[in-house]
Amino acid sequence: MFNIGAGELFIIFLVAFFVVGPKDLPKVIKGIKSALQTIKSLITDLKAESGWDDIVKEMSDTKEDVTGTLKSLDVTRDLKDAKKSIEGSMKDLDIKQDFEEAKKALEKGVGTIKSPLKAAAATIKAELDPGAIAAAGKAQPTPPLPAEDAPREEGTPAEEPKTGPEAAITEGKI
């Protein structure tokens, strides 16, 4: 109640012992004790007559009701949950990363197409170069094309390879 520690209480008793003296000290202590009991009983009677306990109880109930209402009206937790949900969805919809992956795939595809195109362009350029044409004409004749790649006349169908006993007969094995 008064926040008096043991050391402070000891100092108070020492001062009282020297001021009052050892002979009258028990009488003074009894007087202080009876005064404190009288004050305590007056406070208890005042609380009972004024309904202090009822007021305190009613105030604590009101405080609990207000606290409960504030907690139910507090939307910050709901907003934080919604924010976390939206952030999670945004991570799932990482469009920038998807575009980067598509860009890398396209660059890789373009790289694989560029090599054969460059080789074909070099071949065509070499074939169209007049100096290369004159040198090729003097050096070697063009080898004949295989039967599969040879040009056919429009009216003749391509011959299908024979299988089974027909192939053996045409090859002369039987």
N, C-alpha and C. Protein backbone atom coordinates (compact mmCIF):
# COMPACT_ATOMS: atom_id res chain seq x y z
N MET A 1 0.82 -1.18 0.00
CA MET A 1 0.00 0.00 0.00
C MET A 1 0.87 1.25 0.00
N PHE A 2 1.87 1.29 0.89
CA PHE A 2 2.75 2.46 0.97
C PHE A 2 4.09 2.23 0.28
N ASN A 3 4.32 1.00 -0.23
CA ASN A 3 5.58 0.63 -0.88
C ASN A 3 6.78 0.90 0.02
N ILE A 4 6.70 0.40 1.22
CA ILE A 4 7.79 0.55 2.18
C ILE A 4 8.49 -0.80 2.29
N GLY A 5 9.80 -0.80 2.05
CA GLY A 5 10.58 -2.02 2.13
C GLY A 5 11.06 -2.28 3.56
N ALA A 6 11.73 -3.43 3.74
CA ALA A 6 12.21 -3.82 5.09
C ALA A 6 13.26 -2.85 5.60
N GLY A 7 14.16 -2.41 4.75
CA GLY A 7 15.20 -1.47 5.17
C GLY A 7 14.61 -0.13 5.58
N GLU A 8 13.63 0.35 4.83
CA GLU A 8 12.98 1.62 5.15
C GLU A 8 12.20 1.52 6.45
N LEU A 9 11.54 0.39 6.66
CA LEU A 9 10.78 0.17 7.90
C LEU A 9 11.73 0.16 9.11
N PHE A 10 12.89 -0.45 8.95
CA PHE A 10 13.87 -0.51 10.02
C PHE A 10 14.36 0.90 10.38
N ILE A 11 14.59 1.74 9.37
CA ILE A 11 15.04 3.11 9.63
C ILE A 11 13.95 3.90 10.37
N ILE A 12 12.66 3.70 9.97
CA ILE A 12 11.56 4.39 10.64
C ILE A 12 11.50 3.99 12.12
N PHE A 13 11.66 2.69 12.40
CA PHE A 13 11.64 2.24 13.81
C PHE A 13 12.83 2.80 14.59
N LEU A 14 13.97 2.92 13.97
CA LEU A 14 15.14 3.49 14.67
C LEU A 14 14.89 4.96 15.03
N VAL A 15 14.35 5.72 14.06
CA VAL A 15 14.07 7.14 14.31
C VAL A 15 13.02 7.26 15.41
N ALA A 16 11.96 6.44 15.33
CA ALA A 16 10.91 6.49 16.36
C ALA A 16 11.48 6.11 17.72
N PHE A 17 12.39 5.16 17.76
CA PHE A 17 12.99 4.72 19.02
C PHE A 17 13.77 5.87 19.66
N PHE A 18 14.53 6.64 18.85
CA PHE A 18 15.30 7.74 19.39
C PHE A 18 14.43 8.95 19.73
N VAL A 19 13.38 9.20 18.93
CA VAL A 19 12.54 10.37 19.17
C VAL A 19 11.63 10.13 20.37
N VAL A 20 10.93 9.00 20.39
CA VAL A 20 9.95 8.74 21.44
C VAL A 20 10.63 8.18 22.69
N GLY A 21 11.59 7.37 22.49
CA GLY A 21 12.28 6.75 23.62
C GLY A 21 11.76 5.34 23.83
N PRO A 22 12.56 4.53 24.47
CA PRO A 22 12.20 3.13 24.62
C PRO A 22 11.01 2.91 25.56
N LYS A 23 10.77 3.83 26.46
CA LYS A 23 9.71 3.67 27.45
C LYS A 23 8.33 3.89 26.84
N ASP A 24 8.14 4.89 26.00
CA ASP A 24 6.83 5.22 25.43
C ASP A 24 6.60 4.60 24.03
N LEU A 25 7.54 3.92 23.48
CA LEU A 25 7.43 3.35 22.12
C LEU A 25 6.27 2.37 22.00
N PRO A 26 6.05 1.44 22.92
CA PRO A 26 4.90 0.52 22.78
C PRO A 26 3.56 1.27 22.79
N LYS A 27 3.41 2.33 23.57
CA LYS A 27 2.16 3.09 23.60
C LYS A 27 1.93 3.79 22.25
N VAL A 28 2.97 4.34 21.65
CA VAL A 28 2.85 5.03 20.37
C VAL A 28 2.48 4.02 19.28
N ILE A 29 3.06 2.85 19.30
CA ILE A 29 2.76 1.82 18.30
C ILE A 29 1.30 1.40 18.41
N LYS A 30 0.80 1.21 19.65
CA LYS A 30 -0.60 0.84 19.84
C LYS A 30 -1.52 1.94 19.34
N GLY A 31 -1.16 3.18 19.54
CA GLY A 31 -1.96 4.31 19.07
C GLY A 31 -2.00 4.37 17.54
N ILE A 32 -0.87 4.17 16.89
CA ILE A 32 -0.81 4.16 15.42
C ILE A 32 -1.63 2.99 14.88
N LYS A 33 -1.55 1.84 15.58
CA LYS A 33 -2.29 0.66 15.15
C LYS A 33 -3.79 0.91 15.23
N SER A 34 -4.25 1.48 16.32
CA SER A 34 -5.69 1.74 16.47
C SER A 34 -6.16 2.82 15.49
N ALA A 35 -5.32 3.81 15.17
CA ALA A 35 -5.68 4.84 14.21
C ALA A 35 -5.81 4.24 12.81
N LEU A 36 -4.91 3.34 12.45
CA LEU A 36 -4.98 2.68 11.15
C LEU A 36 -6.21 1.79 11.05
N GLN A 37 -6.56 1.09 12.14
CA GLN A 37 -7.77 0.25 12.13
C GLN A 37 -9.02 1.11 11.98
N THR A 38 -9.05 2.26 12.64
CA THR A 38 -10.19 3.15 12.54
C THR A 38 -10.33 3.69 11.11
N ILE A 39 -9.24 4.09 10.50
CA ILE A 39 -9.27 4.59 9.12
C ILE A 39 -9.72 3.48 8.17
N LYS A 40 -9.24 2.27 8.39
CA LYS A 40 -9.61 1.15 7.54
C LYS A 40 -11.10 0.86 7.64
N SER A 41 -11.65 0.89 8.86
CA SER A 41 -13.09 0.62 9.04
C SER A 41 -13.92 1.74 8.43
N LEU A 42 -13.46 3.01 8.52
CA LEU A 42 -14.17 4.12 7.89
C LEU A 42 -14.20 3.95 6.36
N ILE A 43 -13.11 3.52 5.78
CA ILE A 43 -13.06 3.31 4.33
C ILE A 43 -14.00 2.18 3.94
N THR A 44 -14.03 1.10 4.70
CA THR A 44 -14.93 -0.02 4.42
C THR A 44 -16.38 0.42 4.52
N ASP A 45 -16.73 1.20 5.54
CA ASP A 45 -18.12 1.69 5.69
C ASP A 45 -18.48 2.63 4.53
N LEU A 46 -17.56 3.49 4.15
CA LEU A 46 -17.81 4.41 3.04
C LEU A 46 -18.05 3.65 1.74
N LYS A 47 -17.26 2.59 1.49
CA LYS A 47 -17.44 1.77 0.29
C LYS A 47 -18.79 1.07 0.31
N ALA A 48 -19.19 0.57 1.47
CA ALA A 48 -20.47 -0.14 1.57
C ALA A 48 -21.64 0.82 1.36
N GLU A 49 -21.59 2.01 1.94
CA GLU A 49 -22.68 2.97 1.82
C GLU A 49 -22.79 3.54 0.40
N SER A 50 -21.67 3.76 -0.24
CA SER A 50 -21.71 4.39 -1.57
C SER A 50 -21.87 3.35 -2.68
N GLY A 51 -21.76 2.08 -2.37
CA GLY A 51 -21.85 1.03 -3.39
C GLY A 51 -20.60 0.99 -4.26
N TRP A 52 -19.50 1.27 -3.68
CA TRP A 52 -18.23 1.32 -4.40
C TRP A 52 -17.91 -0.01 -5.08
N ASP A 53 -18.14 -1.12 -4.40
CA ASP A 53 -17.87 -2.45 -4.97
C ASP A 53 -18.73 -2.68 -6.22
N ASP A 54 -20.00 -2.25 -6.14
CA ASP A 54 -20.88 -2.40 -7.30
C ASP A 54 -20.40 -1.54 -8.47
N ILE A 55 -19.93 -0.33 -8.15
CA ILE A 55 -19.44 0.57 -9.19
C ILE A 55 -18.18 -0.02 -9.85
N VAL A 56 -17.30 -0.55 -9.01
CA VAL A 56 -16.06 -1.15 -9.53
C VAL A 56 -16.38 -2.35 -10.41
N LYS A 57 -17.33 -3.19 -9.96
CA LYS A 57 -17.71 -4.37 -10.73
C LYS A 57 -18.35 -3.95 -12.06
N GLU A 58 -19.22 -2.96 -12.01
CA GLU A 58 -19.88 -2.48 -13.21
C GLU A 58 -18.86 -1.88 -14.19
N MET A 59 -17.90 -1.15 -13.68
CA MET A 59 -16.86 -0.56 -14.53
C MET A 59 -16.00 -1.65 -15.18
N SER A 60 -15.66 -2.70 -14.44
CA SER A 60 -14.85 -3.77 -15.03
C SER A 60 -15.65 -4.53 -16.10
N ASP A 61 -16.97 -4.73 -15.86
CA ASP A 61 -17.80 -5.37 -16.87
C ASP A 61 -17.89 -4.51 -18.14
N THR A 62 -18.04 -3.19 -17.93
CA THR A 62 -18.11 -2.27 -19.06
C THR A 62 -16.79 -2.27 -19.84
N LYS A 63 -15.71 -2.33 -19.11
CA LYS A 63 -14.38 -2.37 -19.75
C LYS A 63 -14.24 -3.63 -20.61
N GLU A 64 -14.69 -4.77 -20.07
CA GLU A 64 -14.63 -6.02 -20.84
C GLU A 64 -15.50 -5.95 -22.09
N ASP A 65 -16.70 -5.35 -21.94
CA ASP A 65 -17.59 -5.22 -23.10
C ASP A 65 -16.98 -4.33 -24.18
N VAL A 66 -16.41 -3.22 -23.76
CA VAL A 66 -15.79 -2.30 -24.72
C VAL A 66 -14.59 -2.97 -25.39
N THR A 67 -13.80 -3.68 -24.61
CA THR A 67 -12.63 -4.38 -25.17
C THR A 67 -13.08 -5.43 -26.19
N GLY A 68 -14.13 -6.19 -25.85
CA GLY A 68 -14.65 -7.19 -26.79
C GLY A 68 -15.18 -6.55 -28.06
N THR A 69 -15.87 -5.43 -27.93
CA THR A 69 -16.40 -4.73 -29.11
C THR A 69 -15.27 -4.21 -29.98
N LEU A 70 -14.22 -3.66 -29.35
CA LEU A 70 -13.08 -3.16 -30.12
C LEU A 70 -12.38 -4.30 -30.86
N LYS A 71 -12.26 -5.44 -30.21
CA LYS A 71 -11.62 -6.58 -30.86
C LYS A 71 -12.46 -7.06 -32.04
N SER A 72 -13.78 -7.05 -31.88
CA SER A 72 -14.63 -7.50 -32.99
C SER A 72 -14.63 -6.49 -34.13
N LEU A 73 -14.43 -5.21 -33.83
CA LEU A 73 -14.39 -4.19 -34.87
C LEU A 73 -13.00 -4.01 -35.47
N ASP A 74 -12.00 -4.64 -34.87
CA ASP A 74 -10.63 -4.51 -35.34
C ASP A 74 -10.46 -5.32 -36.62
N VAL A 75 -10.31 -4.64 -37.73
CA VAL A 75 -10.18 -5.31 -39.02
C VAL A 75 -8.73 -5.40 -39.48
N THR A 76 -7.81 -4.96 -38.66
CA THR A 76 -6.41 -5.00 -39.07
C THR A 76 -5.94 -6.43 -39.29
N ARG A 77 -6.38 -7.35 -38.45
CA ARG A 77 -5.96 -8.74 -38.61
C ARG A 77 -6.52 -9.30 -39.93
N ASP A 78 -7.78 -8.98 -40.23
CA ASP A 78 -8.38 -9.43 -41.48
C ASP A 78 -7.64 -8.81 -42.67
N LEU A 79 -7.27 -7.54 -42.54
CA LEU A 79 -6.55 -6.88 -43.62
C LEU A 79 -5.15 -7.49 -43.80
N LYS A 80 -4.50 -7.83 -42.70
CA LYS A 80 -3.18 -8.46 -42.80
C LYS A 80 -3.29 -9.83 -43.46
N ASP A 81 -4.32 -10.60 -43.10
CA ASP A 81 -4.53 -11.91 -43.74
C ASP A 81 -4.80 -11.74 -45.23
N ALA A 82 -5.61 -10.75 -45.59
CA ALA A 82 -5.90 -10.50 -47.00
C ALA A 82 -4.63 -10.08 -47.74
N LYS A 83 -3.81 -9.27 -47.10
CA LYS A 83 -2.56 -8.83 -47.72
C LYS A 83 -1.65 -10.02 -47.98
N LYS A 84 -1.54 -10.92 -47.00
CA LYS A 84 -0.71 -12.11 -47.18
C LYS A 84 -1.24 -12.97 -48.31
N SER A 85 -2.56 -13.10 -48.39
CA SER A 85 -3.17 -13.89 -49.45
C SER A 85 -2.87 -13.29 -50.82
N ILE A 86 -3.01 -11.98 -50.93
CA ILE A 86 -2.75 -11.30 -52.20
C ILE A 86 -1.28 -11.42 -52.58
N GLU A 87 -0.39 -11.26 -51.60
CA GLU A 87 1.03 -11.38 -51.90
C GLU A 87 1.36 -12.80 -52.37
N GLY A 88 0.73 -13.80 -51.74
CA GLY A 88 0.94 -15.18 -52.19
C GLY A 88 0.46 -15.39 -53.61
N SER A 89 -0.69 -14.80 -53.93
CA SER A 89 -1.22 -14.91 -55.30
C SER A 89 -0.30 -14.20 -56.29
N MET A 90 0.25 -13.08 -55.90
CA MET A 90 1.14 -12.34 -56.79
C MET A 90 2.42 -13.13 -57.05
N LYS A 91 2.89 -13.86 -56.06
CA LYS A 91 4.08 -14.69 -56.27
C LYS A 91 3.76 -15.81 -57.24
N ASP A 92 2.55 -16.37 -57.15
CA ASP A 92 2.15 -17.42 -58.08
C ASP A 92 2.01 -16.87 -59.49
N LEU A 93 1.63 -15.63 -59.64
CA LEU A 93 1.42 -15.00 -60.94
C LEU A 93 2.62 -14.17 -61.38
N ASP A 94 3.79 -14.64 -61.07
CA ASP A 94 5.00 -13.89 -61.38
C ASP A 94 5.17 -13.81 -62.90
N ILE A 95 4.54 -12.81 -63.50
CA ILE A 95 4.50 -12.65 -64.95
C ILE A 95 5.88 -12.31 -65.50
N LYS A 96 6.63 -11.54 -64.79
CA LYS A 96 7.94 -11.14 -65.26
C LYS A 96 8.82 -12.37 -65.45
N GLN A 97 8.77 -13.28 -64.50
CA GLN A 97 9.57 -14.49 -64.61
C GLN A 97 9.10 -15.33 -65.80
N ASP A 98 7.79 -15.42 -66.03
CA ASP A 98 7.27 -16.17 -67.16
C ASP A 98 7.75 -15.55 -68.48
N PHE A 99 7.74 -14.21 -68.58
CA PHE A 99 8.22 -13.56 -69.78
C PHE A 99 9.72 -13.82 -69.99
N GLU A 100 10.48 -13.79 -68.93
CA GLU A 100 11.92 -14.06 -69.03
C GLU A 100 12.17 -15.48 -69.54
N GLU A 101 11.41 -16.44 -69.02
CA GLU A 101 11.56 -17.83 -69.46
C GLU A 101 11.18 -17.97 -70.93
N ALA A 102 10.10 -17.32 -71.36
CA ALA A 102 9.68 -17.38 -72.76
C ALA A 102 10.73 -16.72 -73.65
N LYS A 103 11.31 -15.62 -73.20
CA LYS A 103 12.34 -14.92 -73.96
C LYS A 103 13.56 -15.81 -74.15
N LYS A 104 13.98 -16.50 -73.08
CA LYS A 104 15.13 -17.39 -73.17
C LYS A 104 14.85 -18.54 -74.12
N ALA A 105 13.63 -19.09 -74.07
CA ALA A 105 13.28 -20.19 -74.96
C ALA A 105 13.29 -19.72 -76.41
N LEU A 106 12.76 -18.53 -76.68
CA LEU A 106 12.77 -18.00 -78.05
C LEU A 106 14.19 -17.74 -78.53
N GLU A 107 15.02 -17.18 -77.67
CA GLU A 107 16.41 -16.93 -78.06
C GLU A 107 17.13 -18.23 -78.38
N LYS A 108 16.86 -19.26 -77.60
CA LYS A 108 17.47 -20.57 -77.84
C LYS A 108 16.98 -21.13 -79.18
N GLY A 109 15.67 -21.01 -79.45
CA GLY A 109 15.12 -21.48 -80.72
C GLY A 109 15.69 -20.71 -81.90
N VAL A 110 15.83 -19.42 -81.76
CA VAL A 110 16.40 -18.59 -82.83
C VAL A 110 17.85 -19.00 -83.06
N GLY A 111 18.57 -19.30 -81.99
CA GLY A 111 19.97 -19.71 -82.13
C GLY A 111 20.09 -21.03 -82.89
N THR A 112 19.19 -21.97 -82.64
CA THR A 112 19.24 -23.25 -83.35
C THR A 112 18.84 -23.10 -84.80
N ILE A 113 18.01 -22.13 -85.11
CA ILE A 113 17.59 -21.89 -86.50
C ILE A 113 18.66 -21.10 -87.25
N LYS A 114 19.38 -20.20 -86.58
CA LYS A 114 20.36 -19.35 -87.23
C LYS A 114 21.51 -20.15 -87.85
N SER A 115 21.98 -21.18 -87.14
CA SER A 115 23.13 -21.94 -87.63
C SER A 115 22.86 -22.57 -88.98
N PRO A 116 21.77 -23.35 -89.14
CA PRO A 116 21.52 -23.92 -90.48
C PRO A 116 21.24 -22.85 -91.54
N LEU A 117 20.59 -21.76 -91.15
CA LEU A 117 20.31 -20.71 -92.11
C LEU A 117 21.60 -20.04 -92.59
N LYS A 118 22.54 -19.83 -91.67
CA LYS A 118 23.82 -19.24 -92.06
C LYS A 118 24.57 -20.16 -93.01
N ALA A 119 24.53 -21.46 -92.69
CA ALA A 119 25.22 -22.42 -93.56
C ALA A 119 24.57 -22.45 -94.94
N ALA A 120 23.23 -22.45 -94.98
CA ALA A 120 22.53 -22.46 -96.26
C ALA A 120 22.80 -21.17 -97.03
N ALA A 121 22.82 -20.05 -96.34
CA ALA A 121 23.10 -18.77 -97.00
C ALA A 121 24.52 -18.77 -97.57
N ALA A 122 25.47 -19.34 -96.83
CA ALA A 122 26.84 -19.40 -97.34
C ALA A 122 26.92 -20.29 -98.57
N THR A 123 26.19 -21.41 -98.55
CA THR A 123 26.18 -22.32 -99.70
C THR A 123 25.57 -21.63 -100.92
N ILE A 124 24.44 -20.97 -100.72
CA ILE A 124 23.79 -20.26 -101.83
C ILE A 124 24.69 -19.16 -102.35
N LYS A 125 25.33 -18.45 -101.47
CA LYS A 125 26.22 -17.37 -101.89
C LYS A 125 27.38 -17.92 -102.70
N ALA A 126 27.91 -19.06 -102.24
CA ALA A 126 29.03 -19.68 -102.96
C ALA A 126 28.57 -20.16 -104.33
N GLU A 127 27.34 -20.69 -104.41
CA GLU A 127 26.82 -21.18 -105.69
C GLU A 127 26.54 -20.05 -106.65
N LEU A 128 26.15 -18.89 -106.14
CA LEU A 128 25.82 -17.76 -107.00
C LEU A 128 27.03 -16.91 -107.36
N ASP A 129 28.15 -17.14 -106.75
CA ASP A 129 29.37 -16.38 -107.02
C ASP A 129 29.89 -16.77 -108.41
N PRO A 130 30.03 -15.82 -109.35
CA PRO A 130 30.45 -16.17 -110.71
C PRO A 130 31.83 -16.84 -110.74
N GLY A 131 32.72 -16.43 -109.91
CA GLY A 131 34.06 -17.05 -109.90
C GLY A 131 33.98 -18.49 -109.42
N ALA A 132 33.11 -18.75 -108.44
CA ALA A 132 32.98 -20.10 -107.92
C ALA A 132 32.29 -20.99 -108.94
N ILE A 133 31.36 -20.44 -109.72
CA ILE A 133 30.65 -21.22 -110.75
C ILE A 133 31.63 -21.62 -111.85
N ALA A 134 32.48 -20.71 -112.29
CA ALA A 134 33.46 -21.01 -113.34
C ALA A 134 34.46 -22.04 -112.86
N ALA A 135 34.89 -21.93 -111.60
CA ALA A 135 35.86 -22.88 -111.05
C ALA A 135 35.24 -24.25 -110.88
N ALA A 136 33.96 -24.30 -110.49
CA ALA A 136 33.28 -25.58 -110.29
C ALA A 136 33.03 -26.26 -111.63
N GLY A 137 32.72 -25.49 -112.67
CA GLY A 137 32.46 -26.05 -113.99
C GLY A 137 33.71 -26.68 -114.58
N LYS A 138 34.86 -26.13 -114.35
CA LYS A 138 36.11 -26.66 -114.88
C LYS A 138 36.63 -27.80 -114.04
N ALA A 139 36.41 -27.76 -112.79
CA ALA A 139 37.01 -28.74 -111.90
C ALA A 139 36.32 -30.09 -111.94
N GLN A 140 35.01 -30.16 -111.66
CA GLN A 140 34.33 -31.45 -111.54
C GLN A 140 32.94 -31.36 -112.10
N PRO A 141 32.51 -32.44 -112.73
CA PRO A 141 31.11 -32.47 -113.11
C PRO A 141 30.27 -32.82 -111.90
N THR A 142 29.00 -32.46 -111.92
CA THR A 142 28.10 -32.72 -110.81
C THR A 142 27.77 -34.20 -110.76
N PRO A 143 27.88 -34.86 -109.59
CA PRO A 143 27.57 -36.30 -109.51
C PRO A 143 26.09 -36.53 -109.71
N PRO A 144 25.70 -37.69 -110.23
CA PRO A 144 24.28 -37.96 -110.45
C PRO A 144 23.56 -38.10 -109.12
N LEU A 145 22.29 -37.75 -109.13
CA LEU A 145 21.47 -37.84 -107.92
C LEU A 145 21.06 -39.29 -107.69
N PRO A 146 20.89 -39.72 -106.44
CA PRO A 146 20.39 -41.07 -106.19
C PRO A 146 18.96 -41.18 -106.72
N ALA A 147 18.50 -42.41 -106.89
CA ALA A 147 17.19 -42.66 -107.50
C ALA A 147 16.07 -42.03 -106.69
N GLU A 148 16.22 -41.99 -105.39
CA GLU A 148 15.15 -41.45 -104.55
C GLU A 148 15.02 -39.94 -104.74
N ASP A 149 16.16 -39.25 -104.93
CA ASP A 149 16.14 -37.81 -105.03
C ASP A 149 16.02 -37.31 -106.47
N ALA A 150 16.11 -38.22 -107.46
CA ALA A 150 16.07 -37.84 -108.87
C ALA A 150 14.70 -37.30 -109.22
N PRO A 151 14.64 -36.30 -110.09
CA PRO A 151 13.33 -35.77 -110.48
C PRO A 151 12.58 -36.77 -111.36
N ARG A 152 11.28 -36.85 -111.16
CA ARG A 152 10.43 -37.77 -111.91
C ARG A 152 9.55 -36.98 -112.84
N GLU A 153 9.10 -37.68 -113.89
CA GLU A 153 8.14 -37.05 -114.77
C GLU A 153 6.82 -37.04 -114.05
N GLU A 154 5.96 -36.16 -114.42
CA GLU A 154 4.69 -35.99 -113.71
C GLU A 154 3.80 -37.20 -113.81
N GLY A 155 3.77 -37.92 -114.84
CA GLY A 155 2.83 -39.02 -115.02
C GLY A 155 3.31 -40.33 -114.42
N THR A 156 4.58 -40.47 -114.09
CA THR A 156 5.08 -41.76 -113.59
C THR A 156 5.04 -41.80 -112.09
N PRO A 157 4.45 -42.88 -111.54
CA PRO A 157 4.43 -42.98 -110.08
C PRO A 157 5.77 -43.49 -109.57
N ALA A 158 6.07 -43.18 -108.35
CA ALA A 158 7.30 -43.65 -107.74
C ALA A 158 7.17 -45.13 -107.46
N GLU A 159 8.25 -45.84 -107.64
CA GLU A 159 8.22 -47.29 -107.42
C GLU A 159 8.36 -47.56 -105.94
N GLU A 160 7.48 -48.40 -105.42
CA GLU A 160 7.53 -48.72 -104.00
C GLU A 160 8.49 -49.87 -103.80
N PRO A 161 9.23 -49.89 -102.70
CA PRO A 161 10.14 -51.02 -102.46
C PRO A 161 9.34 -52.29 -102.22
N LYS A 162 9.86 -53.37 -102.73
CA LYS A 162 9.17 -54.65 -102.60
C LYS A 162 9.67 -55.35 -101.36
N THR A 163 8.73 -56.08 -100.74
CA THR A 163 9.07 -56.83 -99.53
C THR A 163 8.59 -58.25 -99.68
N GLY A 164 9.08 -59.12 -98.83
CA GLY A 164 8.61 -60.51 -98.82
C GLY A 164 9.16 -61.31 -100.00
N PRO A 165 8.32 -62.27 -100.53
CA PRO A 165 8.81 -63.17 -101.59
C PRO A 165 9.07 -62.41 -102.89
N GLU A 166 8.36 -61.29 -103.13
CA GLU A 166 8.55 -60.54 -104.38
C GLU A 166 9.97 -59.97 -104.42
N ALA A 167 10.48 -59.50 -103.27
CA ALA A 167 11.81 -58.91 -103.22
C ALA A 167 12.85 -59.99 -103.51
N ALA A 168 12.62 -61.19 -103.01
CA ALA A 168 13.59 -62.27 -103.23
C ALA A 168 13.62 -62.67 -104.68
N ILE A 169 12.46 -62.65 -105.36
CA ILE A 169 12.40 -63.03 -106.76
C ILE A 169 13.12 -61.99 -107.61
N THR A 170 12.88 -60.69 -107.35
CA THR A 170 13.51 -59.66 -108.16
C THR A 170 15.02 -59.59 -107.92
N GLU A 171 15.46 -59.95 -106.77
CA GLU A 171 16.90 -59.91 -106.51
C GLU A 171 17.58 -61.16 -107.04
N GLY A 172 16.80 -62.16 -107.41
CA GLY A 172 17.35 -63.37 -108.00
C GLY A 172 17.88 -64.35 -106.99
N LYS A 173 17.37 -64.31 -105.78
CA LYS A 173 17.82 -65.23 -104.75
C LYS A 173 17.08 -66.56 -104.83
N ILE A 174 15.93 -66.57 -105.44
CA ILE A 174 15.18 -67.83 -105.49
C ILE A 174 15.28 -68.44 -106.85
